[in-house]
Amino acid sequence: MSPIVRRGVLAALAAGVCLTGAVTPGHAASTPRSLYDDWAASLSQTRCDGNLTASRYSKDAVLLATFKSKIVGRKKIRGYFDHLTCNENLRVATNWFRAGGNHGIKWATGLYTFKYDSDTGGPVEVPARFTFVWHRNSQGEWRIVNHQSSQRPKSEG
């Protein structure tokens, strides 16, 4: 491998970019959209286990949750997602998305719909709105420090 190619590969790895072009979750090169998509995907990757989703939050994060009141700290956030991920076929459909940020803080806001199957097998859809704030920690990893989610009023599209 030439020195130029080797430097390019090392730079890509240092930036959290896989050689296939994917971004390593939570790494400094992540965009707000990729951080959000990673969070949304984590909800459907495990059943009755919120650890994967909670790992995206900082140790002292605040979650103003869709289905519960204020939750503070990753341990309690994990409990919330332990329960939420027990819903059969849980997934999130993004209806509208805006984002921004800088080198140390990133944010996203928008509309999403939680979808899952009820205990009787029928579909359930819960339209909600969200705001996420990520902060890059001392290890260069992006973690959610604040997440607000609430059910949308019927009049809001």
N, C-alpha and C. Protein backbone atom coordinates (compact mmCIF):
# COMPACT_ATOMS: atom_id res chain seq x y z
N MET A 1 0.86 -1.17 0.00
CA MET A 1 0.00 0.00 0.00
C MET A 1 0.90 1.23 0.00
N SER A 2 0.58 2.18 -0.88
CA SER A 2 1.41 3.38 -0.97
C SER A 2 1.21 4.24 0.28
N PRO A 3 2.19 5.10 0.61
CA PRO A 3 2.05 5.98 1.77
C PRO A 3 0.83 6.89 1.68
N ILE A 4 0.50 7.33 0.46
CA ILE A 4 -0.67 8.22 0.30
C ILE A 4 -1.95 7.45 0.59
N VAL A 5 -2.10 6.25 0.06
CA VAL A 5 -3.29 5.42 0.31
C VAL A 5 -3.36 5.06 1.79
N ARG A 6 -2.22 4.68 2.38
CA ARG A 6 -2.18 4.32 3.80
C ARG A 6 -2.66 5.50 4.66
N ARG A 7 -2.18 6.72 4.36
CA ARG A 7 -2.62 7.91 5.11
C ARG A 7 -4.12 8.11 4.94
N GLY A 8 -4.65 7.89 3.73
CA GLY A 8 -6.08 8.04 3.48
C GLY A 8 -6.91 7.05 4.27
N VAL A 9 -6.44 5.80 4.33
CA VAL A 9 -7.13 4.77 5.10
C VAL A 9 -7.10 5.11 6.58
N LEU A 10 -5.93 5.52 7.09
CA LEU A 10 -5.82 5.89 8.50
C LEU A 10 -6.69 7.09 8.82
N ALA A 11 -6.75 8.07 7.92
CA ALA A 11 -7.59 9.25 8.14
C ALA A 11 -9.06 8.85 8.17
N ALA A 12 -9.46 7.95 7.28
CA ALA A 12 -10.86 7.50 7.26
C ALA A 12 -11.20 6.77 8.55
N LEU A 13 -10.30 5.91 9.00
CA LEU A 13 -10.56 5.19 10.26
C LEU A 13 -10.61 6.16 11.44
N ALA A 14 -9.72 7.14 11.45
CA ALA A 14 -9.71 8.12 12.54
C ALA A 14 -10.99 8.95 12.54
N ALA A 15 -11.58 9.16 11.37
CA ALA A 15 -12.82 9.94 11.28
C ALA A 15 -14.05 9.09 11.53
N GLY A 16 -13.85 7.79 11.74
CA GLY A 16 -15.00 6.92 12.01
C GLY A 16 -15.68 6.43 10.75
N VAL A 17 -15.01 6.51 9.62
CA VAL A 17 -15.61 6.09 8.37
C VAL A 17 -15.10 4.70 8.03
N CYS A 18 -16.02 3.80 7.79
CA CYS A 18 -15.68 2.47 7.33
C CYS A 18 -15.19 2.58 5.89
N LEU A 19 -14.45 1.63 5.43
CA LEU A 19 -14.01 1.66 4.04
C LEU A 19 -15.19 1.50 3.09
N THR A 20 -16.35 1.03 3.60
CA THR A 20 -17.55 0.94 2.77
C THR A 20 -18.29 2.26 2.74
N GLY A 21 -17.85 3.25 3.54
CA GLY A 21 -18.48 4.55 3.55
C GLY A 21 -19.42 4.78 4.72
N ALA A 22 -19.72 3.77 5.50
CA ALA A 22 -20.63 3.93 6.64
C ALA A 22 -19.91 4.63 7.78
N VAL A 23 -20.66 5.34 8.59
CA VAL A 23 -20.10 6.04 9.73
C VAL A 23 -20.28 5.20 10.98
N THR A 24 -19.22 5.10 11.77
CA THR A 24 -19.30 4.37 13.03
C THR A 24 -20.26 5.10 13.97
N PRO A 25 -21.30 4.41 14.51
CA PRO A 25 -22.27 5.08 15.37
C PRO A 25 -21.61 5.78 16.56
N GLY A 26 -22.07 7.01 16.81
CA GLY A 26 -21.58 7.75 17.96
C GLY A 26 -20.23 8.40 17.79
N HIS A 27 -19.58 8.24 16.64
CA HIS A 27 -18.24 8.79 16.44
C HIS A 27 -18.31 10.24 15.99
N ALA A 28 -17.21 10.93 16.09
CA ALA A 28 -17.13 12.37 15.81
C ALA A 28 -17.60 12.73 14.40
N ALA A 29 -17.49 11.85 13.43
CA ALA A 29 -17.87 12.19 12.06
C ALA A 29 -19.36 12.02 11.80
N SER A 30 -20.12 11.59 12.78
CA SER A 30 -21.55 11.35 12.61
C SER A 30 -22.32 12.64 12.37
N THR A 31 -23.32 12.56 11.49
CA THR A 31 -24.22 13.68 11.26
C THR A 31 -25.42 13.55 12.18
N PRO A 32 -26.16 14.63 12.41
CA PRO A 32 -27.38 14.49 13.22
C PRO A 32 -28.32 13.43 12.63
N ARG A 33 -28.43 13.37 11.31
CA ARG A 33 -29.33 12.39 10.71
C ARG A 33 -28.86 10.96 10.98
N SER A 34 -27.55 10.72 10.85
CA SER A 34 -27.05 9.36 11.10
C SER A 34 -27.19 8.99 12.57
N LEU A 35 -26.99 9.95 13.47
CA LEU A 35 -27.18 9.69 14.91
C LEU A 35 -28.64 9.35 15.21
N TYR A 36 -29.55 10.12 14.62
CA TYR A 36 -30.98 9.88 14.80
C TYR A 36 -31.37 8.52 14.21
N ASP A 37 -30.93 8.24 12.97
CA ASP A 37 -31.27 6.97 12.33
C ASP A 37 -30.75 5.78 13.14
N ASP A 38 -29.57 5.93 13.71
CA ASP A 38 -29.00 4.88 14.56
C ASP A 38 -29.88 4.65 15.79
N TRP A 39 -30.35 5.74 16.42
CA TRP A 39 -31.25 5.63 17.56
C TRP A 39 -32.55 4.93 17.15
N ALA A 40 -33.15 5.38 16.05
CA ALA A 40 -34.42 4.81 15.60
C ALA A 40 -34.28 3.32 15.29
N ALA A 41 -33.20 2.95 14.64
CA ALA A 41 -32.97 1.53 14.30
C ALA A 41 -32.77 0.69 15.56
N SER A 42 -32.16 1.27 16.59
CA SER A 42 -31.89 0.50 17.81
C SER A 42 -33.17 0.03 18.49
N LEU A 43 -34.27 0.75 18.30
CA LEU A 43 -35.53 0.38 18.94
C LEU A 43 -36.05 -0.98 18.48
N SER A 44 -35.79 -1.31 17.22
CA SER A 44 -36.33 -2.56 16.69
C SER A 44 -35.29 -3.68 16.64
N GLN A 45 -34.08 -3.43 17.15
CA GLN A 45 -33.03 -4.44 17.06
C GLN A 45 -33.03 -5.42 18.22
N THR A 46 -33.70 -5.08 19.31
CA THR A 46 -33.78 -6.01 20.44
C THR A 46 -35.22 -6.03 20.95
N ARG A 47 -35.57 -7.05 21.66
CA ARG A 47 -36.92 -7.17 22.20
C ARG A 47 -36.84 -7.20 23.72
N CYS A 48 -37.58 -6.29 24.37
CA CYS A 48 -37.63 -6.19 25.83
C CYS A 48 -36.24 -5.97 26.44
N ASP A 49 -35.38 -5.28 25.70
CA ASP A 49 -34.04 -4.97 26.19
C ASP A 49 -33.66 -3.58 25.69
N GLY A 50 -33.69 -2.61 26.58
CA GLY A 50 -33.41 -1.24 26.22
C GLY A 50 -31.96 -0.84 26.25
N ASN A 51 -31.06 -1.78 26.51
CA ASN A 51 -29.65 -1.45 26.65
C ASN A 51 -29.06 -0.82 25.38
N LEU A 52 -29.38 -1.39 24.22
CA LEU A 52 -28.82 -0.88 22.97
C LEU A 52 -29.26 0.57 22.74
N THR A 53 -30.52 0.86 22.96
CA THR A 53 -31.01 2.23 22.79
C THR A 53 -30.44 3.14 23.87
N ALA A 54 -30.46 2.71 25.11
CA ALA A 54 -29.96 3.53 26.22
C ALA A 54 -28.47 3.84 26.08
N SER A 55 -27.72 2.99 25.40
CA SER A 55 -26.28 3.23 25.24
C SER A 55 -26.00 4.47 24.40
N ARG A 56 -27.00 4.98 23.72
CA ARG A 56 -26.84 6.19 22.92
C ARG A 56 -26.97 7.47 23.75
N TYR A 57 -27.36 7.33 25.03
CA TYR A 57 -27.58 8.46 25.93
C TYR A 57 -26.37 8.65 26.85
N SER A 58 -26.13 9.90 27.24
CA SER A 58 -25.07 10.16 28.21
C SER A 58 -25.51 9.63 29.58
N LYS A 59 -24.55 9.48 30.46
CA LYS A 59 -24.82 8.94 31.80
C LYS A 59 -25.88 9.73 32.55
N ASP A 60 -25.90 11.04 32.35
CA ASP A 60 -26.84 11.90 33.09
C ASP A 60 -27.87 12.56 32.16
N ALA A 61 -28.20 11.90 31.06
CA ALA A 61 -29.15 12.43 30.08
C ALA A 61 -30.54 12.63 30.68
N VAL A 62 -31.30 13.52 30.03
CA VAL A 62 -32.69 13.75 30.39
C VAL A 62 -33.56 13.32 29.22
N LEU A 63 -34.55 12.49 29.52
CA LEU A 63 -35.53 12.05 28.53
C LEU A 63 -36.91 12.49 29.00
N LEU A 64 -37.53 13.38 28.24
CA LEU A 64 -38.93 13.76 28.46
C LEU A 64 -39.72 12.89 27.48
N ALA A 65 -40.15 11.75 27.95
CA ALA A 65 -40.59 10.65 27.09
C ALA A 65 -42.03 10.78 26.59
N THR A 66 -42.29 10.12 25.47
CA THR A 66 -43.61 10.11 24.86
C THR A 66 -44.65 9.45 25.77
N PHE A 67 -44.27 8.36 26.40
CA PHE A 67 -45.23 7.55 27.15
C PHE A 67 -45.04 7.61 28.66
N LYS A 68 -44.22 8.55 29.13
CA LYS A 68 -43.93 8.66 30.56
C LYS A 68 -43.42 10.07 30.83
N SER A 69 -43.37 10.45 32.09
CA SER A 69 -42.86 11.78 32.42
C SER A 69 -41.33 11.78 32.42
N LYS A 70 -40.75 12.79 33.01
CA LYS A 70 -39.29 13.01 33.01
C LYS A 70 -38.52 11.79 33.53
N ILE A 71 -37.46 11.43 32.79
CA ILE A 71 -36.58 10.33 33.18
C ILE A 71 -35.16 10.87 33.12
N VAL A 72 -34.41 10.72 34.21
CA VAL A 72 -33.05 11.25 34.27
C VAL A 72 -32.06 10.12 34.51
N GLY A 73 -31.03 10.05 33.69
CA GLY A 73 -29.97 9.07 33.85
C GLY A 73 -30.15 7.86 32.95
N ARG A 74 -29.02 7.38 32.42
CA ARG A 74 -29.03 6.25 31.48
C ARG A 74 -29.68 5.00 32.07
N LYS A 75 -29.46 4.73 33.35
CA LYS A 75 -30.02 3.53 33.96
C LYS A 75 -31.55 3.55 33.92
N LYS A 76 -32.15 4.69 34.27
CA LYS A 76 -33.61 4.80 34.25
C LYS A 76 -34.13 4.86 32.81
N ILE A 77 -33.36 5.48 31.93
CA ILE A 77 -33.74 5.51 30.51
C ILE A 77 -33.76 4.09 29.95
N ARG A 78 -32.81 3.28 30.36
CA ARG A 78 -32.80 1.88 29.91
C ARG A 78 -34.09 1.17 30.36
N GLY A 79 -34.52 1.41 31.59
CA GLY A 79 -35.77 0.80 32.07
C GLY A 79 -36.96 1.18 31.20
N TYR A 80 -37.01 2.44 30.81
CA TYR A 80 -38.09 2.91 29.94
C TYR A 80 -38.06 2.15 28.61
N PHE A 81 -36.87 2.03 28.02
CA PHE A 81 -36.76 1.34 26.74
C PHE A 81 -36.89 -0.18 26.89
N ASP A 82 -36.55 -0.73 28.06
CA ASP A 82 -36.82 -2.16 28.30
C ASP A 82 -38.31 -2.43 28.08
N HIS A 83 -39.15 -1.56 28.62
CA HIS A 83 -40.60 -1.71 28.51
C HIS A 83 -41.09 -1.40 27.09
N LEU A 84 -40.64 -0.27 26.53
CA LEU A 84 -41.12 0.14 25.20
C LEU A 84 -40.78 -0.88 24.13
N THR A 85 -39.59 -1.47 24.20
CA THR A 85 -39.18 -2.41 23.15
C THR A 85 -39.88 -3.77 23.27
N CYS A 86 -40.70 -3.95 24.28
CA CYS A 86 -41.50 -5.18 24.37
C CYS A 86 -42.70 -5.15 23.42
N ASN A 87 -43.01 -3.98 22.87
CA ASN A 87 -44.10 -3.89 21.90
C ASN A 87 -43.70 -4.64 20.64
N GLU A 88 -44.56 -5.53 20.20
CA GLU A 88 -44.31 -6.37 19.03
C GLU A 88 -44.13 -5.53 17.77
N ASN A 89 -43.05 -5.79 17.02
CA ASN A 89 -42.76 -5.11 15.76
C ASN A 89 -42.63 -3.59 15.92
N LEU A 90 -42.03 -3.14 17.00
CA LEU A 90 -41.84 -1.72 17.25
C LEU A 90 -40.91 -1.13 16.19
N ARG A 91 -41.33 0.01 15.65
CA ARG A 91 -40.51 0.74 14.69
C ARG A 91 -40.92 2.20 14.73
N VAL A 92 -40.07 3.04 14.14
CA VAL A 92 -40.32 4.48 14.10
C VAL A 92 -40.28 4.91 12.64
N ALA A 93 -41.34 5.60 12.21
CA ALA A 93 -41.38 6.17 10.86
C ALA A 93 -41.19 7.68 11.00
N THR A 94 -40.21 8.22 10.33
CA THR A 94 -39.92 9.65 10.41
C THR A 94 -40.77 10.38 9.38
N ASN A 95 -41.53 11.37 9.85
CA ASN A 95 -42.42 12.11 8.98
C ASN A 95 -41.83 13.45 8.53
N TRP A 96 -40.98 14.04 9.36
CA TRP A 96 -40.38 15.34 9.05
C TRP A 96 -39.13 15.48 9.91
N PHE A 97 -38.06 16.07 9.36
CA PHE A 97 -36.78 16.10 10.06
C PHE A 97 -36.02 17.38 9.72
N ARG A 98 -35.50 18.05 10.76
CA ARG A 98 -34.59 19.19 10.60
C ARG A 98 -33.47 19.01 11.60
N ALA A 99 -32.27 19.48 11.24
CA ALA A 99 -31.12 19.27 12.13
C ALA A 99 -30.05 20.32 11.90
N GLY A 100 -29.13 20.39 12.85
CA GLY A 100 -28.00 21.29 12.73
C GLY A 100 -27.01 21.03 13.85
N GLY A 101 -26.11 21.98 14.05
CA GLY A 101 -25.13 21.83 15.12
C GLY A 101 -23.76 22.29 14.70
N ASN A 102 -22.81 22.01 15.58
CA ASN A 102 -21.43 22.41 15.33
C ASN A 102 -20.50 21.30 15.81
N HIS A 103 -19.29 21.64 16.17
CA HIS A 103 -18.30 20.62 16.53
C HIS A 103 -18.58 19.92 17.85
N GLY A 104 -19.29 20.56 18.77
CA GLY A 104 -19.50 19.95 20.08
C GLY A 104 -20.94 19.62 20.41
N ILE A 105 -21.90 20.23 19.69
CA ILE A 105 -23.32 20.01 19.94
C ILE A 105 -24.02 19.79 18.60
N LYS A 106 -24.91 18.82 18.56
CA LYS A 106 -25.75 18.59 17.38
C LYS A 106 -27.19 18.46 17.87
N TRP A 107 -28.12 18.82 17.02
CA TRP A 107 -29.52 18.74 17.39
C TRP A 107 -30.35 18.26 16.20
N ALA A 108 -31.50 17.71 16.52
CA ALA A 108 -32.47 17.32 15.50
C ALA A 108 -33.85 17.50 16.09
N THR A 109 -34.78 17.89 15.25
CA THR A 109 -36.16 18.04 15.67
C THR A 109 -37.04 17.57 14.52
N GLY A 110 -38.23 17.12 14.85
CA GLY A 110 -39.10 16.66 13.79
C GLY A 110 -40.33 15.94 14.30
N LEU A 111 -40.93 15.22 13.37
CA LEU A 111 -42.13 14.44 13.65
C LEU A 111 -41.85 12.98 13.31
N TYR A 112 -42.30 12.09 14.19
CA TYR A 112 -42.19 10.67 13.92
C TYR A 112 -43.44 9.97 14.40
N THR A 113 -43.59 8.73 13.98
CA THR A 113 -44.72 7.92 14.40
C THR A 113 -44.19 6.60 14.91
N PHE A 114 -44.52 6.28 16.17
CA PHE A 114 -44.20 4.96 16.71
C PHE A 114 -45.25 4.00 16.17
N LYS A 115 -44.79 2.87 15.66
CA LYS A 115 -45.70 1.85 15.13
C LYS A 115 -45.37 0.52 15.78
N TYR A 116 -46.40 -0.21 16.16
CA TYR A 116 -46.21 -1.55 16.71
C TYR A 116 -47.53 -2.29 16.64
N ASP A 117 -47.49 -3.58 16.95
CA ASP A 117 -48.70 -4.41 16.96
C ASP A 117 -49.23 -4.49 18.38
N SER A 118 -50.53 -4.33 18.52
CA SER A 118 -51.15 -4.42 19.85
C SER A 118 -51.17 -5.86 20.33
N ASP A 119 -51.56 -6.05 21.58
CA ASP A 119 -51.65 -7.40 22.14
C ASP A 119 -52.62 -8.27 21.37
N THR A 120 -53.62 -7.65 20.72
CA THR A 120 -54.59 -8.40 19.93
C THR A 120 -54.16 -8.56 18.48
N GLY A 121 -52.99 -8.00 18.13
CA GLY A 121 -52.44 -8.15 16.79
C GLY A 121 -52.73 -7.01 15.85
N GLY A 122 -53.60 -6.09 16.25
CA GLY A 122 -53.92 -4.95 15.40
C GLY A 122 -52.82 -3.92 15.43
N PRO A 123 -52.72 -3.12 14.36
CA PRO A 123 -51.67 -2.09 14.31
C PRO A 123 -51.98 -0.92 15.24
N VAL A 124 -50.92 -0.37 15.86
CA VAL A 124 -51.01 0.81 16.70
C VAL A 124 -50.07 1.84 16.11
N GLU A 125 -50.54 3.07 15.98
CA GLU A 125 -49.70 4.17 15.51
C GLU A 125 -49.85 5.33 16.49
N VAL A 126 -48.72 5.83 16.97
CA VAL A 126 -48.70 6.95 17.90
C VAL A 126 -47.87 8.08 17.28
N PRO A 127 -48.54 9.07 16.67
CA PRO A 127 -47.81 10.21 16.12
C PRO A 127 -47.20 11.04 17.25
N ALA A 128 -45.95 11.43 17.08
CA ALA A 128 -45.26 12.19 18.12
C ALA A 128 -44.32 13.20 17.48
N ARG A 129 -43.84 14.13 18.29
CA ARG A 129 -42.83 15.10 17.86
C ARG A 129 -41.61 14.93 18.75
N PHE A 130 -40.45 15.32 18.26
CA PHE A 130 -39.22 15.06 19.01
C PHE A 130 -38.22 16.19 18.87
N THR A 131 -37.33 16.26 19.85
CA THR A 131 -36.11 17.05 19.78
C THR A 131 -35.02 16.25 20.47
N PHE A 132 -33.90 16.11 19.80
CA PHE A 132 -32.71 15.47 20.36
C PHE A 132 -31.60 16.50 20.43
N VAL A 133 -30.77 16.41 21.48
CA VAL A 133 -29.54 17.18 21.56
C VAL A 133 -28.43 16.19 21.89
N TRP A 134 -27.39 16.18 21.04
CA TRP A 134 -26.22 15.33 21.26
C TRP A 134 -25.04 16.20 21.65
N HIS A 135 -24.19 15.64 22.49
CA HIS A 135 -22.95 16.31 22.90
C HIS A 135 -21.81 15.33 22.67
N ARG A 136 -20.70 15.83 22.17
CA ARG A 136 -19.54 14.96 21.98
C ARG A 136 -18.77 14.88 23.28
N ASN A 137 -18.58 13.66 23.79
CA ASN A 137 -17.88 13.49 25.08
C ASN A 137 -16.37 13.52 24.89
N SER A 138 -15.66 13.35 25.98
CA SER A 138 -14.19 13.46 25.94
C SER A 138 -13.54 12.35 25.12
N GLN A 139 -14.26 11.26 24.86
CA GLN A 139 -13.74 10.19 24.01
C GLN A 139 -14.09 10.42 22.53
N GLY A 140 -14.75 11.56 22.24
CA GLY A 140 -15.13 11.86 20.86
C GLY A 140 -16.42 11.20 20.41
N GLU A 141 -17.16 10.59 21.33
CA GLU A 141 -18.40 9.90 21.00
C GLU A 141 -19.58 10.85 21.21
N TRP A 142 -20.54 10.79 20.31
CA TRP A 142 -21.75 11.58 20.43
C TRP A 142 -22.76 10.83 21.28
N ARG A 143 -23.27 11.49 22.31
CA ARG A 143 -24.28 10.90 23.19
C ARG A 143 -25.45 11.87 23.33
N ILE A 144 -26.63 11.33 23.43
CA ILE A 144 -27.83 12.14 23.63
C ILE A 144 -27.78 12.68 25.05
N VAL A 145 -27.90 14.00 25.19
CA VAL A 145 -27.94 14.61 26.52
C VAL A 145 -29.35 15.07 26.86
N ASN A 146 -30.15 15.30 25.82
CA ASN A 146 -31.54 15.70 26.04
C ASN A 146 -32.38 15.17 24.89
N HIS A 147 -33.50 14.54 25.25
CA HIS A 147 -34.42 14.01 24.25
C HIS A 147 -35.83 14.31 24.75
N GLN A 148 -36.55 15.08 23.99
CA GLN A 148 -37.93 15.39 24.31
C GLN A 148 -38.81 14.76 23.25
N SER A 149 -39.87 14.09 23.67
CA SER A 149 -40.79 13.46 22.74
C SER A 149 -42.19 13.54 23.36
N SER A 150 -43.14 13.94 22.56
CA SER A 150 -44.51 14.00 23.07
C SER A 150 -45.48 13.65 21.94
N GLN A 151 -46.62 13.11 22.34
CA GLN A 151 -47.64 12.80 21.35
C GLN A 151 -48.10 14.09 20.69
N ARG A 152 -48.30 14.02 19.36
CA ARG A 152 -48.73 15.19 18.62
C ARG A 152 -50.21 15.47 18.87
N PRO A 153 -50.57 16.74 18.99
CA PRO A 153 -52.00 17.07 19.06
C PRO A 153 -52.69 16.64 17.77
N LYS A 154 -53.94 16.32 17.85
CA LYS A 154 -54.70 15.85 16.67
C LYS A 154 -54.66 16.86 15.53
N SER A 155 -54.60 18.15 15.86
CA SER A 155 -54.63 19.20 14.84
C SER A 155 -53.29 19.39 14.13
N GLU A 156 -52.22 18.78 14.65
CA GLU A 156 -50.89 18.94 14.07
C GLU A 156 -50.62 17.80 13.10
N GLY A 157 -50.17 18.10 11.88
CA GLY A 157 -49.90 17.07 10.89
C GLY A 157 -48.55 16.57 11.02
